[in-house]
Amino acid sequence: MEMGSGSGKDSWIVHLQGGGWCNTLDDCLQRSTTYLGSSKYMTAFGFGGILSNSMAYNPDFYNWNRVYVRYCDGGAFSGDVETGVQVTNGGKTSTLYFRGRMVWEAIIDDLLSKGMSSADRAILSGDSAGGSSVIFHCNRFRKKMPSSTDVRCLSDAGYFMDIPNLANGYSFQQFFDDIVALHKITMLPSGCTSQRSLGQCYFPEYSLQYVTPPIFLLQSPYDNFQVRYILAPTGTYSGGSWDACKQALLGCSSSQLSIIQGQLRARMLDSLNSFIGNKNWGMYMISCYYHTQVVDTFIWNSNSKINSLTPAQAFSRWYFQRELVQEVDCPFPCNPTCISTS
């Protein structure tokens, strides 16, 4: 956490770290011995992107109160298991805790006691799994804050899609089903769970419509995580036929690129059609092979652009000027500003 100063002393950004999920006891046990499972293994994190204190690279938020919330529960700050779970492996018994929702509540309450209760402006942001958590918690963040506080949310690479893989299976839906069951996640929107399974409602694709505060999506329709783990996970294609394509879009054949365009990009953009024209729903959909952008200074406010706007400039225009900002890039490979991962 870095305290704000000057014009930013009463403004807050709370950013939720990403880092995937764990869906089995063994997986979560292994995770508990890493920086994504326990504060014992966490090291210092340098603030970049929207968290940077550089006026040059982050001119609109550099002097705000900036908080980076470390991720340790493996359930996107959503788990709700009251007691510890005993796991035995190799003759050693360990206790795991699936209390992500309670961790989130405790952190927000602590920040309120440290001055956030007097905030005039507050942003809840997050990337990857943290970005999906923003979608789940945005309404709760609004309720936690005073009614006089301007509250908005920013989800970076958190808009995960419920699409079939190359073998026409829904392996990631099963993965999310397992997570919801293991972590006993019950905080998903009732409007969704009355129509779909809990695992499906864990996809932001289905839960986003229930967010009421203004929210901005920073997302690549060619999200490299979703290409690698949802669309084309190992085992859904023969040999190494998709390996080069998963590494970089320039390694894709025309037929592979067509599949990505149709099953991921087109489906993602279609799912957002109902938000088009509503200035409370900002979006910046760049056709680069990126996953996260918001805490990466090089991408956040440097080279990559849509219509001459960096992600930082687009978000600031939406946030401060209250304009309709819905930048949707042309299909790959039209954008020459993408960095080399494309």
Foldseek 3Di string as FASTA:
>chain_A
DDAADDPARQEEEEEEEDDAADQDPVRLVVLCPAQQADVVHDDDDDFFFCDDLDCVLNVPRNRHHYHYDHHHQRQLLFFDDPDWDWDDDPNDIDTHDLHSVVVVVVVLVVVCVVNNLRHQEYEYEYFASPLLSCLLCQVVSCVSHPVNHQYEYERFLHQADQFAALLRHRVVLVSLVSSCVVRVGDSQDPVQVVPDPPSVSSRCLRRNVVRDFQYEYEEALLALCCVDPGHYDPPSDPDCQCVQCSQAVVSDDPVRLVCSCPGRNVVVVVSCVVVPPPLSYAYAHDQGHHRGARRHSCQQGHQFDAPPDGVSRLVCCSVPVVDRHHGHHDHPPPGPRHPPSD
